[in-house]
All heavy atoms as atom14 arrays in JSON, in Angstrom:
{
  "sequence": "INSLSTLAQKASNTSVITPSTIVDLGFMIWKRAVTGLSVWSPVDSF",
  "atom14_mask": [
    [1, 1, 1, 1, 1, 1, 1, 1, 0, 0, 0, 0, 0, 0],
    [1, 1, 1, 1, 1, 1, 1, 1, 0, 0, 0, 0, 0, 0],
    [1, 1, 1, 1, 1, 1, 0, 0, 0, 0, 0, 0, 0, 0],
    [1, 1, 1, 1, 1, 1, 1, 1, 0, 0, 0, 0, 0, 0],
    [1, 1, 1, 1, 1, 1, 0, 0, 0, 0, 0, 0, 0, 0],
    [1, 1, 1, 1, 1, 1, 1, 0, 0, 0, 0, 0, 0, 0],
    [1, 1, 1, 1, 1, 1, 1, 1, 0, 0, 0, 0, 0, 0],
    [1, 1, 1, 1, 1, 0, 0, 0, 0, 0, 0, 0, 0, 0],
    [1, 1, 1, 1, 1, 1, 1, 1, 1, 0, 0, 0, 0, 0],
    [1, 1, 1, 1, 1, 1, 1, 1, 1, 0, 0, 0, 0, 0],
    [1, 1, 1, 1, 1, 0, 0, 0, 0, 0, 0, 0, 0, 0],
    [1, 1, 1, 1, 1, 1, 0, 0, 0, 0, 0, 0, 0, 0],
    [1, 1, 1, 1, 1, 1, 1, 1, 0, 0, 0, 0, 0, 0],
    [1, 1, 1, 1, 1, 1, 1, 0, 0, 0, 0, 0, 0, 0],
    [1, 1, 1, 1, 1, 1, 0, 0, 0, 0, 0, 0, 0, 0],
    [1, 1, 1, 1, 1, 1, 1, 0, 0, 0, 0, 0, 0, 0],
    [1, 1, 1, 1, 1, 1, 1, 1, 0, 0, 0, 0, 0, 0],
    [1, 1, 1, 1, 1, 1, 1, 0, 0, 0, 0, 0, 0, 0],
    [1, 1, 1, 1, 1, 1, 1, 0, 0, 0, 0, 0, 0, 0],
    [1, 1, 1, 1, 1, 1, 0, 0, 0, 0, 0, 0, 0, 0],
    [1, 1, 1, 1, 1, 1, 1, 0, 0, 0, 0, 0, 0, 0],
    [1, 1, 1, 1, 1, 1, 1, 1, 0, 0, 0, 0, 0, 0],
    [1, 1, 1, 1, 1, 1, 1, 0, 0, 0, 0, 0, 0, 0],
    [1, 1, 1, 1, 1, 1, 1, 1, 0, 0, 0, 0, 0, 0],
    [1, 1, 1, 1, 1, 1, 1, 1, 0, 0, 0, 0, 0, 0],
    [1, 1, 1, 1, 0, 0, 0, 0, 0, 0, 0, 0, 0, 0],
    [1, 1, 1, 1, 1, 1, 1, 1, 1, 1, 1, 0, 0, 0],
    [1, 1, 1, 1, 1, 1, 1, 1, 0, 0, 0, 0, 0, 0],
    [1, 1, 1, 1, 1, 1, 1, 1, 0, 0, 0, 0, 0, 0],
    [1, 1, 1, 1, 1, 1, 1, 1, 1, 1, 1, 1, 1, 1],
    [1, 1, 1, 1, 1, 1, 1, 1, 1, 0, 0, 0, 0, 0],
    [1, 1, 1, 1, 1, 1, 1, 1, 1, 1, 1, 0, 0, 0],
    [1, 1, 1, 1, 1, 0, 0, 0, 0, 0, 0, 0, 0, 0],
    [1, 1, 1, 1, 1, 1, 1, 0, 0, 0, 0, 0, 0, 0],
    [1, 1, 1, 1, 1, 1, 1, 0, 0, 0, 0, 0, 0, 0],
    [1, 1, 1, 1, 0, 0, 0, 0, 0, 0, 0, 0, 0, 0],
    [1, 1, 1, 1, 1, 1, 1, 1, 0, 0, 0, 0, 0, 0],
    [1, 1, 1, 1, 1, 1, 0, 0, 0, 0, 0, 0, 0, 0],
    [1, 1, 1, 1, 1, 1, 1, 0, 0, 0, 0, 0, 0, 0],
    [1, 1, 1, 1, 1, 1, 1, 1, 1, 1, 1, 1, 1, 1],
    [1, 1, 1, 1, 1, 1, 0, 0, 0, 0, 0, 0, 0, 0],
    [1, 1, 1, 1, 1, 1, 1, 0, 0, 0, 0, 0, 0, 0],
    [1, 1, 1, 1, 1, 1, 1, 0, 0, 0, 0, 0, 0, 0],
    [1, 1, 1, 1, 1, 1, 1, 1, 0, 0, 0, 0, 0, 0],
    [1, 1, 1, 1, 1, 1, 0, 0, 0, 0, 0, 0, 0, 0],
    [1, 1, 1, 1, 1, 1, 1, 1, 1, 1, 1, 0, 0, 0]
  ],
  "atom14_positions": [
    [[80.14, 101.32, 85.34], [80.41, 101.51, 86.73], [79.21, 102.11, 87.47], [78.83, 101.64, 88.51], [81.72, 102.42, 86.94], [82.95, 101.69, 86.39], [81.87, 102.75, 88.4], [84.19, 102.54, 86.4], [0.0, 0.0, 0.0], [0.0, 0.0, 0.0], [0.0, 0.0, 0.0], [0.0, 0.0, 0.0], [0.0, 0.0, 0.0], [0.0, 0.0, 0.0]],
    [[78.65, 103.15, 86.88], [77.48, 103.83, 87.49], [76.24, 102.94, 87.56], [75.55, 102.95, 88.56], [77.18, 105.12, 86.76], [78.22, 106.22, 86.95], [78.97, 106.22, 87.88], [78.36, 107.11, 85.99], [0.0, 0.0, 0.0], [0.0, 0.0, 0.0], [0.0, 0.0, 0.0], [0.0, 0.0, 0.0], [0.0, 0.0, 0.0], [0.0, 0.0, 0.0]],
    [[76.05, 102.14, 86.53], [74.9, 101.28, 86.52], [74.93, 100.2, 87.6], [73.97, 99.91, 88.31], [74.74, 100.64, 85.13], [75.84, 99.87, 84.83], [0.0, 0.0, 0.0], [0.0, 0.0, 0.0], [0.0, 0.0, 0.0], [0.0, 0.0, 0.0], [0.0, 0.0, 0.0], [0.0, 0.0, 0.0], [0.0, 0.0, 0.0], [0.0, 0.0, 0.0]],
    [[76.15, 99.59, 87.78], [76.26, 98.58, 88.81], [76.23, 99.19, 90.22], [75.7, 98.59, 91.1], [77.62, 97.86, 88.59], [77.67, 96.85, 87.46], [79.02, 96.07, 87.38], [76.52, 95.79, 87.63], [0.0, 0.0, 0.0], [0.0, 0.0, 0.0], [0.0, 0.0, 0.0], [0.0, 0.0, 0.0], [0.0, 0.0, 0.0], [0.0, 0.0, 0.0]],
    [[76.79, 100.43, 90.37], [76.68, 101.1, 91.67], [75.22, 101.4, 92.01], [74.82, 101.16, 93.15], [77.55, 102.33, 91.61], [78.89, 102.1, 91.36], [0.0, 0.0, 0.0], [0.0, 0.0, 0.0], [0.0, 0.0, 0.0], [0.0, 0.0, 0.0], [0.0, 0.0, 0.0], [0.0, 0.0, 0.0], [0.0, 0.0, 0.0], [0.0, 0.0, 0.0]],
    [[74.49, 101.9, 91.05], [73.06, 102.21, 91.32], [72.28, 100.92, 91.57], [71.41, 100.9, 92.45], [72.48, 102.89, 90.05], [73.25, 104.08, 89.78], [71.07, 103.28, 90.32], [0.0, 0.0, 0.0], [0.0, 0.0, 0.0], [0.0, 0.0, 0.0], [0.0, 0.0, 0.0], [0.0, 0.0, 0.0], [0.0, 0.0, 0.0], [0.0, 0.0, 0.0]],
    [[72.57, 99.88, 90.89], [71.89, 98.59, 91.16], [72.14, 98.07, 92.49], [71.25, 97.58, 93.2], [72.37, 97.54, 90.09], [71.73, 96.12, 90.21], [70.21, 96.26, 90.02], [72.41, 95.22, 89.13], [0.0, 0.0, 0.0], [0.0, 0.0, 0.0], [0.0, 0.0, 0.0], [0.0, 0.0, 0.0], [0.0, 0.0, 0.0], [0.0, 0.0, 0.0]],
    [[73.4, 98.18, 93.01], [73.73, 97.77, 94.38], [73.04, 98.56, 95.44], [72.62, 98.0, 96.43], [75.27, 97.84, 94.56], [0.0, 0.0, 0.0], [0.0, 0.0, 0.0], [0.0, 0.0, 0.0], [0.0, 0.0, 0.0], [0.0, 0.0, 0.0], [0.0, 0.0, 0.0], [0.0, 0.0, 0.0], [0.0, 0.0, 0.0], [0.0, 0.0, 0.0]],
    [[72.93, 99.87, 95.2], [72.25, 100.74, 96.14], [70.76, 100.4, 96.2], [70.16, 100.4, 97.29], [72.45, 102.18, 95.74], [73.88, 102.68, 95.97], [74.13, 104.05, 95.41], [73.22, 104.74, 95.0], [75.38, 104.46, 95.43], [0.0, 0.0, 0.0], [0.0, 0.0, 0.0], [0.0, 0.0, 0.0], [0.0, 0.0, 0.0], [0.0, 0.0, 0.0]],
    [[70.16, 100.12, 95.07], [68.74, 99.77, 94.99], [68.57, 98.45, 95.7], [67.56, 98.21, 96.4], [68.21, 99.71, 93.53], [68.11, 101.12, 92.97], [67.55, 101.02, 91.53], [67.36, 102.35, 90.94], [66.86, 102.29, 89.58], [0.0, 0.0, 0.0], [0.0, 0.0, 0.0], [0.0, 0.0, 0.0], [0.0, 0.0, 0.0], [0.0, 0.0, 0.0]],
    [[69.48, 97.45, 95.42], [69.32, 96.09, 95.99], [69.49, 96.13, 97.49], [68.75, 95.41, 98.17], [70.35, 95.19, 95.35], [0.0, 0.0, 0.0], [0.0, 0.0, 0.0], [0.0, 0.0, 0.0], [0.0, 0.0, 0.0], [0.0, 0.0, 0.0], [0.0, 0.0, 0.0], [0.0, 0.0, 0.0], [0.0, 0.0, 0.0], [0.0, 0.0, 0.0]],
    [[70.41, 96.95, 98.02], [70.56, 97.04, 99.46], [69.59, 98.01, 100.11], [69.61, 98.23, 101.36], [71.99, 97.5, 99.75], [72.3, 98.74, 99.19], [0.0, 0.0, 0.0], [0.0, 0.0, 0.0], [0.0, 0.0, 0.0], [0.0, 0.0, 0.0], [0.0, 0.0, 0.0], [0.0, 0.0, 0.0], [0.0, 0.0, 0.0], [0.0, 0.0, 0.0]],
    [[68.74, 98.67, 99.32], [67.72, 99.59, 99.81], [68.32, 100.76, 100.71], [67.85, 100.98, 101.8], [66.64, 98.86, 100.62], [65.41, 99.71, 100.88], [65.11, 100.57, 100.1], [64.65, 99.34, 101.93], [0.0, 0.0, 0.0], [0.0, 0.0, 0.0], [0.0, 0.0, 0.0], [0.0, 0.0, 0.0], [0.0, 0.0, 0.0], [0.0, 0.0, 0.0]],
    [[69.4, 101.29, 100.19], [70.06, 102.38, 100.88], [70.13, 103.59, 100.02], [70.05, 103.46, 98.79], [71.5, 101.94, 101.36], [72.23, 101.55, 100.18], [71.39, 100.81, 102.33], [0.0, 0.0, 0.0], [0.0, 0.0, 0.0], [0.0, 0.0, 0.0], [0.0, 0.0, 0.0], [0.0, 0.0, 0.0], [0.0, 0.0, 0.0], [0.0, 0.0, 0.0]],
    [[70.39, 104.72, 100.63], [70.64, 105.91, 99.85], [72.05, 105.87, 99.31], [72.73, 104.88, 99.41], [70.4, 107.11, 100.74], [71.28, 107.08, 101.86], [0.0, 0.0, 0.0], [0.0, 0.0, 0.0], [0.0, 0.0, 0.0], [0.0, 0.0, 0.0], [0.0, 0.0, 0.0], [0.0, 0.0, 0.0], [0.0, 0.0, 0.0], [0.0, 0.0, 0.0]],
    [[72.5, 106.98, 98.79], [73.83, 107.02, 98.21], [74.93, 106.74, 99.29], [74.95, 107.44, 100.26], [74.13, 108.39, 97.53], [75.5, 108.42, 96.96], [73.1, 108.6, 96.38], [0.0, 0.0, 0.0], [0.0, 0.0, 0.0], [0.0, 0.0, 0.0], [0.0, 0.0, 0.0], [0.0, 0.0, 0.0], [0.0, 0.0, 0.0], [0.0, 0.0, 0.0]],
    [[75.73, 105.73, 99.07], [76.78, 105.4, 100.05], [78.07, 105.91, 99.5], [78.51, 105.61, 98.35], [76.9, 103.84, 100.15], [75.57, 103.3, 100.76], [78.02, 103.44, 101.09], [75.55, 101.75, 100.9], [0.0, 0.0, 0.0], [0.0, 0.0, 0.0], [0.0, 0.0, 0.0], [0.0, 0.0, 0.0], [0.0, 0.0, 0.0], [0.0, 0.0, 0.0]],
    [[78.71, 106.72, 100.28], [79.99, 107.36, 99.93], [81.02, 107.07, 101.06], [80.57, 106.83, 102.22], [79.91, 108.86, 99.68], [79.48, 109.5, 100.88], [78.88, 109.08, 98.58], [0.0, 0.0, 0.0], [0.0, 0.0, 0.0], [0.0, 0.0, 0.0], [0.0, 0.0, 0.0], [0.0, 0.0, 0.0], [0.0, 0.0, 0.0], [0.0, 0.0, 0.0]],
    [[82.29, 107.3, 100.81], [83.28, 107.1, 101.92], [83.01, 107.98, 103.14], [83.15, 107.68, 104.27], [84.6, 107.47, 101.24], [84.42, 107.08, 99.83], [82.96, 107.4, 99.54], [0.0, 0.0, 0.0], [0.0, 0.0, 0.0], [0.0, 0.0, 0.0], [0.0, 0.0, 0.0], [0.0, 0.0, 0.0], [0.0, 0.0, 0.0], [0.0, 0.0, 0.0]],
    [[82.52, 109.22, 102.85], [82.29, 110.2, 103.94], [81.2, 109.7, 104.85], [81.19, 109.85, 106.06], [81.97, 111.59, 103.39], [83.13, 112.15, 102.78], [0.0, 0.0, 0.0], [0.0, 0.0, 0.0], [0.0, 0.0, 0.0], [0.0, 0.0, 0.0], [0.0, 0.0, 0.0], [0.0, 0.0, 0.0], [0.0, 0.0, 0.0], [0.0, 0.0, 0.0]],
    [[80.09, 109.18, 104.27], [78.98, 108.74, 105.08], [79.41, 107.5, 105.92], [78.85, 107.4, 107.06], [77.81, 108.29, 104.14], [78.22, 107.21, 103.25], [77.25, 109.45, 103.34], [0.0, 0.0, 0.0], [0.0, 0.0, 0.0], [0.0, 0.0, 0.0], [0.0, 0.0, 0.0], [0.0, 0.0, 0.0], [0.0, 0.0, 0.0], [0.0, 0.0, 0.0]],
    [[80.32, 106.71, 105.46], [80.76, 105.59, 106.3], [81.59, 106.13, 107.49], [81.35, 105.67, 108.62], [81.73, 104.66, 105.41], [80.91, 104.08, 104.22], [82.28, 103.59, 106.24], [81.75, 103.3, 103.25], [0.0, 0.0, 0.0], [0.0, 0.0, 0.0], [0.0, 0.0, 0.0], [0.0, 0.0, 0.0], [0.0, 0.0, 0.0], [0.0, 0.0, 0.0]],
    [[82.46, 107.09, 107.27], [83.25, 107.65, 108.41], [82.39, 108.33, 109.35], [82.58, 108.33, 110.6], [84.42, 108.52, 107.85], [85.15, 109.14, 108.96], [85.39, 107.67, 106.97], [0.0, 0.0, 0.0], [0.0, 0.0, 0.0], [0.0, 0.0, 0.0], [0.0, 0.0, 0.0], [0.0, 0.0, 0.0], [0.0, 0.0, 0.0], [0.0, 0.0, 0.0]],
    [[81.4, 109.13, 108.83], [80.51, 109.93, 109.69], [79.74, 108.97, 110.64], [79.46, 109.36, 111.83], [79.49, 110.69, 108.83], [80.16, 111.84, 108.16], [81.28, 112.22, 108.52], [79.58, 112.37, 107.13], [0.0, 0.0, 0.0], [0.0, 0.0, 0.0], [0.0, 0.0, 0.0], [0.0, 0.0, 0.0], [0.0, 0.0, 0.0], [0.0, 0.0, 0.0]],
    [[79.37, 107.81, 110.17], [78.69, 106.86, 111.04], [79.58, 106.39, 112.17], [79.14, 106.26, 113.35], [78.21, 105.65, 110.28], [77.47, 104.52, 111.02], [76.2, 105.08, 111.69], [77.12, 103.39, 110.09], [0.0, 0.0, 0.0], [0.0, 0.0, 0.0], [0.0, 0.0, 0.0], [0.0, 0.0, 0.0], [0.0, 0.0, 0.0], [0.0, 0.0, 0.0]],
    [[80.89, 106.23, 111.89], [81.8, 105.87, 112.91], [81.97, 106.94, 113.95], [82.06, 106.68, 115.17], [0.0, 0.0, 0.0], [0.0, 0.0, 0.0], [0.0, 0.0, 0.0], [0.0, 0.0, 0.0], [0.0, 0.0, 0.0], [0.0, 0.0, 0.0], [0.0, 0.0, 0.0], [0.0, 0.0, 0.0], [0.0, 0.0, 0.0], [0.0, 0.0, 0.0]],
    [[82.06, 108.16, 113.53], [82.09, 109.33, 114.5], [80.82, 109.47, 115.3], [80.88, 109.88, 116.47], [82.39, 110.65, 113.73], [83.84, 110.81, 113.4], [84.3, 110.76, 112.1], [84.76, 111.11, 114.42], [85.64, 110.88, 111.84], [86.11, 111.26, 114.13], [86.59, 111.16, 112.84], [0.0, 0.0, 0.0], [0.0, 0.0, 0.0], [0.0, 0.0, 0.0]],
    [[79.65, 109.13, 114.76], [78.41, 109.18, 115.51], [78.46, 108.16, 116.67], [78.06, 108.48, 117.82], [77.22, 108.82, 114.59], [76.86, 109.96, 113.64], [75.67, 109.36, 112.39], [74.31, 108.73, 113.39], [0.0, 0.0, 0.0], [0.0, 0.0, 0.0], [0.0, 0.0, 0.0], [0.0, 0.0, 0.0], [0.0, 0.0, 0.0], [0.0, 0.0, 0.0]],
    [[78.95, 106.98, 116.36], [79.07, 105.91, 117.41], [80.1, 106.36, 118.46], [79.89, 106.18, 119.69], [79.46, 104.55, 116.82], [78.32, 104.16, 115.87], [79.72, 103.53, 117.85], [78.62, 102.86, 115.08], [0.0, 0.0, 0.0], [0.0, 0.0, 0.0], [0.0, 0.0, 0.0], [0.0, 0.0, 0.0], [0.0, 0.0, 0.0], [0.0, 0.0, 0.0]],
    [[81.22, 106.91, 118.02], [82.23, 107.39, 118.95], [81.71, 108.47, 119.85], [81.95, 108.53, 121.07], [83.42, 107.88, 118.18], [84.49, 108.57, 118.98], [84.65, 109.94, 119.14], [85.53, 108.02, 119.77], [85.71, 110.23, 119.97], [86.21, 109.03, 120.37], [85.9, 106.71, 120.07], [87.29, 108.81, 121.19], [86.96, 106.48, 120.91], [87.62, 107.47, 121.49]],
    [[80.92, 109.42, 119.22], [80.4, 110.55, 120.04], [79.37, 110.05, 121.03], [79.38, 110.52, 122.21], [79.73, 111.53, 119.14], [79.19, 112.78, 119.77], [78.57, 113.78, 118.81], [78.08, 115.01, 119.51], [77.48, 115.95, 118.54], [0.0, 0.0, 0.0], [0.0, 0.0, 0.0], [0.0, 0.0, 0.0], [0.0, 0.0, 0.0], [0.0, 0.0, 0.0]],
    [[78.58, 109.08, 120.69], [77.64, 108.46, 121.58], [78.36, 107.84, 122.81], [77.92, 107.97, 123.94], [76.78, 107.45, 120.9], [75.73, 106.78, 121.83], [74.7, 107.8, 122.37], [73.9, 108.37, 121.31], [72.74, 107.8, 120.86], [72.25, 106.7, 121.32], [72.06, 108.42, 119.89], [0.0, 0.0, 0.0], [0.0, 0.0, 0.0], [0.0, 0.0, 0.0]],
    [[79.51, 107.13, 122.5], [80.26, 106.51, 123.58], [80.89, 107.58, 124.52], [80.9, 107.41, 125.72], [81.3, 105.59, 123.0], [0.0, 0.0, 0.0], [0.0, 0.0, 0.0], [0.0, 0.0, 0.0], [0.0, 0.0, 0.0], [0.0, 0.0, 0.0], [0.0, 0.0, 0.0], [0.0, 0.0, 0.0], [0.0, 0.0, 0.0], [0.0, 0.0, 0.0]],
    [[81.43, 108.67, 123.9], [82.04, 109.67, 124.69], [80.95, 110.41, 125.6], [81.16, 110.77, 126.75], [82.74, 110.72, 123.8], [83.2, 111.93, 124.58], [83.91, 110.08, 123.11], [0.0, 0.0, 0.0], [0.0, 0.0, 0.0], [0.0, 0.0, 0.0], [0.0, 0.0, 0.0], [0.0, 0.0, 0.0], [0.0, 0.0, 0.0], [0.0, 0.0, 0.0]],
    [[79.76, 110.59, 125.02], [78.67, 111.23, 125.75], [78.26, 110.39, 126.98], [77.89, 110.91, 128.05], [77.46, 111.43, 124.83], [77.86, 112.23, 123.71], [76.38, 112.22, 125.58], [0.0, 0.0, 0.0], [0.0, 0.0, 0.0], [0.0, 0.0, 0.0], [0.0, 0.0, 0.0], [0.0, 0.0, 0.0], [0.0, 0.0, 0.0], [0.0, 0.0, 0.0]],
    [[78.42, 109.08, 126.82], [77.99, 108.21, 127.9], [79.13, 107.93, 128.91], [78.89, 107.09, 129.82], [0.0, 0.0, 0.0], [0.0, 0.0, 0.0], [0.0, 0.0, 0.0], [0.0, 0.0, 0.0], [0.0, 0.0, 0.0], [0.0, 0.0, 0.0], [0.0, 0.0, 0.0], [0.0, 0.0, 0.0], [0.0, 0.0, 0.0], [0.0, 0.0, 0.0]],
    [[80.27, 108.63, 128.9], [81.26, 108.43, 129.88], [80.82, 108.84, 131.26], [80.14, 109.8, 131.51], [82.47, 109.27, 129.56], [83.37, 108.81, 128.29], [84.47, 109.84, 128.02], [83.89, 107.43, 128.51], [0.0, 0.0, 0.0], [0.0, 0.0, 0.0], [0.0, 0.0, 0.0], [0.0, 0.0, 0.0], [0.0, 0.0, 0.0], [0.0, 0.0, 0.0]],
    [[81.2, 108.02, 132.3], [80.85, 108.29, 133.63], [81.85, 107.83, 134.59], [82.48, 106.68, 134.42], [79.49, 107.62, 133.93], [79.18, 107.76, 135.34], [0.0, 0.0, 0.0], [0.0, 0.0, 0.0], [0.0, 0.0, 0.0], [0.0, 0.0, 0.0], [0.0, 0.0, 0.0], [0.0, 0.0, 0.0], [0.0, 0.0, 0.0], [0.0, 0.0, 0.0]],
    [[82.22, 108.66, 135.49], [83.26, 108.24, 136.57], [82.69, 107.16, 137.46], [83.51, 106.47, 138.1], [83.7, 109.53, 137.31], [84.43, 110.45, 136.47], [82.55, 110.11, 138.03], [0.0, 0.0, 0.0], [0.0, 0.0, 0.0], [0.0, 0.0, 0.0], [0.0, 0.0, 0.0], [0.0, 0.0, 0.0], [0.0, 0.0, 0.0], [0.0, 0.0, 0.0]],
    [[81.41, 107.02, 137.5], [80.81, 106.04, 138.38], [80.83, 104.6, 137.82], [80.57, 103.64, 138.54], [79.35, 106.44, 138.77], [79.27, 107.81, 139.37], [78.82, 108.95, 138.82], [79.8, 108.19, 140.66], [78.97, 110.03, 139.63], [79.56, 109.57, 140.83], [80.4, 107.49, 141.7], [79.93, 110.24, 141.94], [80.79, 108.19, 142.85], [80.52, 109.53, 142.97]],
    [[81.0, 104.58, 136.5], [81.14, 103.21, 135.82], [82.32, 103.23, 134.86], [82.17, 103.25, 133.64], [79.82, 102.92, 135.09], [79.52, 104.03, 134.13], [0.0, 0.0, 0.0], [0.0, 0.0, 0.0], [0.0, 0.0, 0.0], [0.0, 0.0, 0.0], [0.0, 0.0, 0.0], [0.0, 0.0, 0.0], [0.0, 0.0, 0.0], [0.0, 0.0, 0.0]],
    [[83.55, 103.24, 135.46], [84.73, 103.37, 134.59], [84.93, 102.14, 133.74], [85.38, 102.33, 132.56], [85.92, 103.44, 135.64], [85.31, 102.83, 136.85], [83.86, 103.17, 136.87], [0.0, 0.0, 0.0], [0.0, 0.0, 0.0], [0.0, 0.0, 0.0], [0.0, 0.0, 0.0], [0.0, 0.0, 0.0], [0.0, 0.0, 0.0], [0.0, 0.0, 0.0]],
    [[84.57, 100.93, 134.18], [84.76, 99.8, 133.33], [83.85, 99.86, 132.05], [84.35, 99.61, 130.93], [84.47, 98.49, 134.09], [84.58, 97.24, 133.18], [85.35, 98.36, 135.32], [0.0, 0.0, 0.0], [0.0, 0.0, 0.0], [0.0, 0.0, 0.0], [0.0, 0.0, 0.0], [0.0, 0.0, 0.0], [0.0, 0.0, 0.0], [0.0, 0.0, 0.0]],
    [[82.57, 100.18, 132.28], [81.66, 100.31, 131.21], [82.07, 101.43, 130.19], [82.05, 101.26, 129.0], [80.26, 100.55, 131.65], [79.69, 99.35, 132.38], [80.21, 98.28, 132.18], [78.66, 99.55, 133.05], [0.0, 0.0, 0.0], [0.0, 0.0, 0.0], [0.0, 0.0, 0.0], [0.0, 0.0, 0.0], [0.0, 0.0, 0.0], [0.0, 0.0, 0.0]],
    [[82.54, 102.51, 130.74], [82.93, 103.63, 129.92], [84.17, 103.29, 129.08], [84.28, 103.59, 127.91], [83.26, 104.87, 130.8], [82.1, 105.32, 131.52], [0.0, 0.0, 0.0], [0.0, 0.0, 0.0], [0.0, 0.0, 0.0], [0.0, 0.0, 0.0], [0.0, 0.0, 0.0], [0.0, 0.0, 0.0], [0.0, 0.0, 0.0], [0.0, 0.0, 0.0]],
    [[85.18, 102.61, 129.78], [86.39, 102.24, 129.05], [86.04, 101.24, 127.97], [86.54, 101.36, 126.79], [87.4, 101.65, 130.05], [88.69, 101.21, 129.4], [89.61, 102.16, 128.97], [88.9, 99.85, 129.25], [90.8, 101.72, 128.42], [90.06, 99.44, 128.65], [91.06, 100.37, 128.23], [0.0, 0.0, 0.0], [0.0, 0.0, 0.0], [0.0, 0.0, 0.0]]
  ]
}
């Protein structure tokens, strides 16, 4: 299991991929969208 996981990470040229890093990326995108909220552009914000 570990050898195939390490091989996949090297092949995809990424650091260690874990469930937490996946969810953290989603929260980063959500936070950027919330930061960009504006009452002057409700359609874009929504």
